[in-house]
Amino acid sequence: MKRPLIAAAALLAAPLAFAQEGGGPPPEVMAAIQAVRTACANDTKQYCSDKQGREVFQCLRANSDKVSSGCKDALAKLPARRPPPPPSGQ
């Protein structure tokens, strides 16, 4: 019973990781994240229930050959995470 709750909490916490990087993601990214949460809920329980936060999305992508077609579609629309900008002042 705890694993589905942990997975759900992890999916809800994922946008917080983005928000800590300078104001949060744009609305279209938030919509894509929500679409993944909805479309991949069962896949998350099945394949990634032991993951938290960003690891859930990484796990879903790593298991893309196993997840449902709706989840695959939602993951395809989720933008890849951008690398951090180079340090300033150099």
N, C-alpha and C. Protein backbone atom coordinates (compact mmCIF):
# COMPACT_ATOMS: atom_id res chain seq x y z
N MET A 1 0.82 -1.20 0.00
CA MET A 1 0.00 0.00 0.00
C MET A 1 0.86 1.26 0.00
N LYS A 2 2.03 1.21 0.62
CA LYS A 2 2.87 2.41 0.71
C LYS A 2 3.49 2.77 -0.63
N ARG A 3 3.85 1.79 -1.44
CA ARG A 3 4.56 2.09 -2.68
C ARG A 3 3.76 2.99 -3.63
N PRO A 4 2.48 2.70 -3.89
CA PRO A 4 1.74 3.62 -4.77
C PRO A 4 1.67 5.04 -4.21
N LEU A 5 1.57 5.16 -2.89
CA LEU A 5 1.53 6.49 -2.29
C LEU A 5 2.87 7.20 -2.45
N ILE A 6 3.95 6.47 -2.30
CA ILE A 6 5.28 7.06 -2.47
C ILE A 6 5.47 7.50 -3.92
N ALA A 7 5.06 6.65 -4.86
CA ALA A 7 5.19 7.00 -6.27
C ALA A 7 4.35 8.23 -6.61
N ALA A 8 3.15 8.29 -6.09
CA ALA A 8 2.29 9.45 -6.35
C ALA A 8 2.90 10.72 -5.76
N ALA A 9 3.44 10.60 -4.56
CA ALA A 9 4.08 11.77 -3.94
C ALA A 9 5.29 12.22 -4.74
N ALA A 10 6.03 11.26 -5.27
CA ALA A 10 7.20 11.61 -6.08
C ALA A 10 6.80 12.35 -7.34
N LEU A 11 5.74 11.90 -7.98
CA LEU A 11 5.28 12.58 -9.19
C LEU A 11 4.79 13.99 -8.88
N LEU A 12 4.17 14.16 -7.74
CA LEU A 12 3.69 15.49 -7.36
C LEU A 12 4.85 16.41 -7.01
N ALA A 13 5.96 15.85 -6.53
CA ALA A 13 7.10 16.66 -6.11
C ALA A 13 8.00 17.05 -7.28
N ALA A 14 7.89 16.37 -8.41
CA ALA A 14 8.79 16.63 -9.54
C ALA A 14 8.83 18.09 -9.97
N PRO A 15 7.71 18.79 -10.07
CA PRO A 15 7.79 20.20 -10.48
C PRO A 15 8.54 21.07 -9.49
N LEU A 16 8.61 20.64 -8.24
CA LEU A 16 9.35 21.42 -7.25
C LEU A 16 10.83 21.46 -7.58
N ALA A 17 11.34 20.38 -8.17
CA ALA A 17 12.75 20.37 -8.57
C ALA A 17 13.00 21.44 -9.63
N PHE A 18 12.06 21.60 -10.55
CA PHE A 18 12.19 22.64 -11.56
C PHE A 18 12.09 24.03 -10.93
N ALA A 19 11.17 24.17 -10.00
CA ALA A 19 10.89 25.48 -9.41
C ALA A 19 12.09 26.04 -8.66
N GLN A 20 12.94 25.18 -8.14
CA GLN A 20 14.10 25.63 -7.39
C GLN A 20 15.18 26.21 -8.29
N GLU A 21 15.05 26.08 -9.57
CA GLU A 21 16.09 26.52 -10.50
C GLU A 21 15.83 27.88 -11.10
N GLY A 22 15.05 28.69 -10.53
CA GLY A 22 14.89 30.03 -11.05
C GLY A 22 13.49 30.36 -11.50
N GLY A 23 12.52 30.17 -10.65
CA GLY A 23 11.18 30.60 -10.97
C GLY A 23 10.27 29.54 -11.51
N GLY A 24 10.77 28.37 -11.76
CA GLY A 24 9.92 27.28 -12.22
C GLY A 24 9.83 27.20 -13.73
N PRO A 25 9.30 26.09 -14.17
CA PRO A 25 9.19 25.86 -15.61
C PRO A 25 8.05 26.68 -16.22
N PRO A 26 8.13 26.90 -17.51
CA PRO A 26 7.04 27.60 -18.19
C PRO A 26 5.77 26.76 -18.18
N PRO A 27 4.63 27.39 -18.41
CA PRO A 27 3.34 26.68 -18.34
C PRO A 27 3.26 25.46 -19.27
N GLU A 28 3.87 25.54 -20.44
CA GLU A 28 3.79 24.40 -21.36
C GLU A 28 4.54 23.18 -20.81
N VAL A 29 5.61 23.42 -20.07
CA VAL A 29 6.35 22.32 -19.45
C VAL A 29 5.53 21.75 -18.29
N MET A 30 4.91 22.62 -17.51
CA MET A 30 4.05 22.14 -16.42
C MET A 30 2.91 21.29 -16.97
N ALA A 31 2.34 21.70 -18.10
CA ALA A 31 1.26 20.92 -18.72
C ALA A 31 1.77 19.56 -19.17
N ALA A 32 2.98 19.52 -19.72
CA ALA A 32 3.57 18.26 -20.16
C ALA A 32 3.83 17.35 -18.96
N ILE A 33 4.31 17.91 -17.86
CA ILE A 33 4.55 17.13 -16.64
C ILE A 33 3.24 16.54 -16.13
N GLN A 34 2.20 17.36 -16.11
CA GLN A 34 0.89 16.87 -15.65
C GLN A 34 0.37 15.78 -16.58
N ALA A 35 0.58 15.91 -17.87
CA ALA A 35 0.15 14.88 -18.82
C ALA A 35 0.87 13.56 -18.55
N VAL A 36 2.16 13.64 -18.23
CA VAL A 36 2.91 12.42 -17.90
C VAL A 36 2.37 11.81 -16.63
N ARG A 37 2.11 12.62 -15.61
CA ARG A 37 1.55 12.10 -14.36
C ARG A 37 0.27 11.31 -14.61
N THR A 38 -0.60 11.90 -15.42
CA THR A 38 -1.89 11.28 -15.69
C THR A 38 -1.74 10.03 -16.55
N ALA A 39 -1.04 10.16 -17.65
CA ALA A 39 -0.93 9.05 -18.61
C ALA A 39 -0.08 7.89 -18.08
N CYS A 40 0.84 8.18 -17.20
CA CYS A 40 1.79 7.16 -16.73
C CYS A 40 1.54 6.67 -15.32
N ALA A 41 0.41 7.01 -14.74
CA ALA A 41 0.16 6.64 -13.34
C ALA A 41 0.28 5.13 -13.12
N ASN A 42 -0.36 4.34 -13.95
CA ASN A 42 -0.30 2.88 -13.79
C ASN A 42 1.10 2.35 -14.10
N ASP A 43 1.75 2.91 -15.11
CA ASP A 43 3.10 2.48 -15.46
C ASP A 43 4.08 2.81 -14.32
N THR A 44 3.88 3.95 -13.69
CA THR A 44 4.73 4.33 -12.57
C THR A 44 4.59 3.33 -11.43
N LYS A 45 3.36 2.95 -11.13
CA LYS A 45 3.14 1.96 -10.08
C LYS A 45 3.80 0.63 -10.42
N GLN A 46 3.72 0.25 -11.69
CA GLN A 46 4.22 -1.05 -12.10
C GLN A 46 5.74 -1.10 -12.21
N TYR A 47 6.36 -0.08 -12.80
CA TYR A 47 7.78 -0.14 -13.12
C TYR A 47 8.68 0.74 -12.25
N CYS A 48 8.12 1.76 -11.63
CA CYS A 48 8.97 2.76 -10.97
C CYS A 48 8.52 3.11 -9.56
N SER A 49 7.84 2.20 -8.91
CA SER A 49 7.28 2.51 -7.60
C SER A 49 8.34 2.76 -6.54
N ASP A 50 9.57 2.33 -6.79
CA ASP A 50 10.64 2.55 -5.82
C ASP A 50 11.43 3.83 -6.07
N LYS A 51 11.01 4.63 -7.03
CA LYS A 51 11.71 5.86 -7.41
C LYS A 51 11.01 7.08 -6.84
N GLN A 52 11.76 8.17 -6.73
CA GLN A 52 11.21 9.43 -6.22
C GLN A 52 11.67 10.59 -7.09
N GLY A 53 10.86 11.64 -7.13
CA GLY A 53 11.23 12.87 -7.82
C GLY A 53 11.58 12.64 -9.28
N ARG A 54 12.67 13.24 -9.70
CA ARG A 54 13.12 13.17 -11.08
C ARG A 54 13.41 11.73 -11.51
N GLU A 55 13.78 10.88 -10.55
CA GLU A 55 14.07 9.48 -10.87
C GLU A 55 12.87 8.76 -11.47
N VAL A 56 11.66 9.19 -11.14
CA VAL A 56 10.46 8.58 -11.70
C VAL A 56 10.44 8.79 -13.21
N PHE A 57 10.71 10.01 -13.65
CA PHE A 57 10.72 10.30 -15.09
C PHE A 57 11.85 9.55 -15.78
N GLN A 58 13.00 9.48 -15.15
CA GLN A 58 14.13 8.75 -15.71
C GLN A 58 13.79 7.26 -15.83
N CYS A 59 13.14 6.72 -14.82
CA CYS A 59 12.74 5.33 -14.83
C CYS A 59 11.73 5.05 -15.94
N LEU A 60 10.75 5.92 -16.08
CA LEU A 60 9.76 5.73 -17.14
C LEU A 60 10.43 5.76 -18.51
N ARG A 61 11.36 6.68 -18.70
CA ARG A 61 12.07 6.73 -19.98
C ARG A 61 12.94 5.49 -20.19
N ALA A 62 13.56 5.00 -19.12
CA ALA A 62 14.38 3.79 -19.22
C ALA A 62 13.55 2.56 -19.54
N ASN A 63 12.29 2.59 -19.15
CA ASN A 63 11.38 1.47 -19.41
C ASN A 63 10.40 1.78 -20.53
N SER A 64 10.79 2.66 -21.43
CA SER A 64 9.87 3.11 -22.48
C SER A 64 9.39 1.97 -23.38
N ASP A 65 10.16 0.89 -23.45
CA ASP A 65 9.73 -0.25 -24.26
C ASP A 65 8.62 -1.05 -23.57
N LYS A 66 8.38 -0.81 -22.29
CA LYS A 66 7.39 -1.56 -21.52
C LYS A 66 6.14 -0.76 -21.18
N VAL A 67 6.24 0.59 -21.15
CA VAL A 67 5.12 1.41 -20.70
C VAL A 67 4.02 1.46 -21.76
N SER A 68 2.84 1.88 -21.34
CA SER A 68 1.69 1.97 -22.23
C SER A 68 1.93 2.99 -23.34
N SER A 69 1.17 2.88 -24.40
CA SER A 69 1.33 3.81 -25.53
C SER A 69 0.99 5.24 -25.12
N GLY A 70 -0.01 5.42 -24.26
CA GLY A 70 -0.35 6.76 -23.79
C GLY A 70 0.78 7.38 -22.98
N CYS A 71 1.43 6.56 -22.19
CA CYS A 71 2.57 7.05 -21.41
C CYS A 71 3.73 7.40 -22.34
N LYS A 72 3.99 6.56 -23.34
CA LYS A 72 5.05 6.85 -24.32
C LYS A 72 4.80 8.18 -25.01
N ASP A 73 3.56 8.41 -25.41
CA ASP A 73 3.21 9.66 -26.08
C ASP A 73 3.45 10.86 -25.17
N ALA A 74 3.03 10.74 -23.91
CA ALA A 74 3.21 11.85 -22.97
C ALA A 74 4.69 12.10 -22.71
N LEU A 75 5.49 11.04 -22.57
CA LEU A 75 6.93 11.19 -22.35
C LEU A 75 7.60 11.85 -23.55
N ALA A 76 7.14 11.53 -24.74
CA ALA A 76 7.73 12.12 -25.95
C ALA A 76 7.50 13.62 -26.00
N LYS A 77 6.45 14.10 -25.39
CA LYS A 77 6.14 15.53 -25.40
C LYS A 77 6.80 16.28 -24.25
N LEU A 78 7.38 15.54 -23.31
CA LEU A 78 8.06 16.18 -22.18
C LEU A 78 9.44 16.64 -22.62
N PRO A 79 9.72 17.93 -22.52
CA PRO A 79 11.02 18.44 -22.97
C PRO A 79 12.15 17.82 -22.17
N ALA A 80 13.26 17.59 -22.82
CA ALA A 80 14.45 17.10 -22.13
C ALA A 80 14.95 18.19 -21.20
N ARG A 81 15.51 17.77 -20.11
CA ARG A 81 16.04 18.73 -19.13
C ARG A 81 17.26 19.41 -19.73
N ARG A 82 17.28 20.73 -19.65
CA ARG A 82 18.41 21.50 -20.16
C ARG A 82 19.60 21.41 -19.22
N PRO A 83 20.81 21.38 -19.76
CA PRO A 83 21.98 21.42 -18.87
C PRO A 83 22.08 22.79 -18.20
N PRO A 84 22.70 22.85 -17.04
CA PRO A 84 22.82 24.14 -16.35
C PRO A 84 23.72 25.08 -17.16
N PRO A 85 23.48 26.38 -17.04
CA PRO A 85 24.32 27.34 -17.77
C PRO A 85 25.75 27.32 -17.22
N PRO A 86 26.72 27.70 -18.04
CA PRO A 86 28.10 27.72 -17.54
C PRO A 86 28.24 28.77 -16.45
N PRO A 87 29.20 28.58 -15.56
CA PRO A 87 29.40 29.57 -14.49
C PRO A 87 29.72 30.95 -15.06
N SER A 88 29.17 31.98 -14.46
CA SER A 88 29.41 33.32 -14.94
C SER A 88 30.70 33.87 -14.34
N GLY A 89 31.24 34.88 -15.01
CA GLY A 89 32.42 35.56 -14.49
C GLY A 89 33.73 34.93 -14.91
N GLN A 90 33.68 34.06 -15.89
CA GLN A 90 34.93 33.44 -16.33
C GLN A 90 35.22 33.77 -17.76
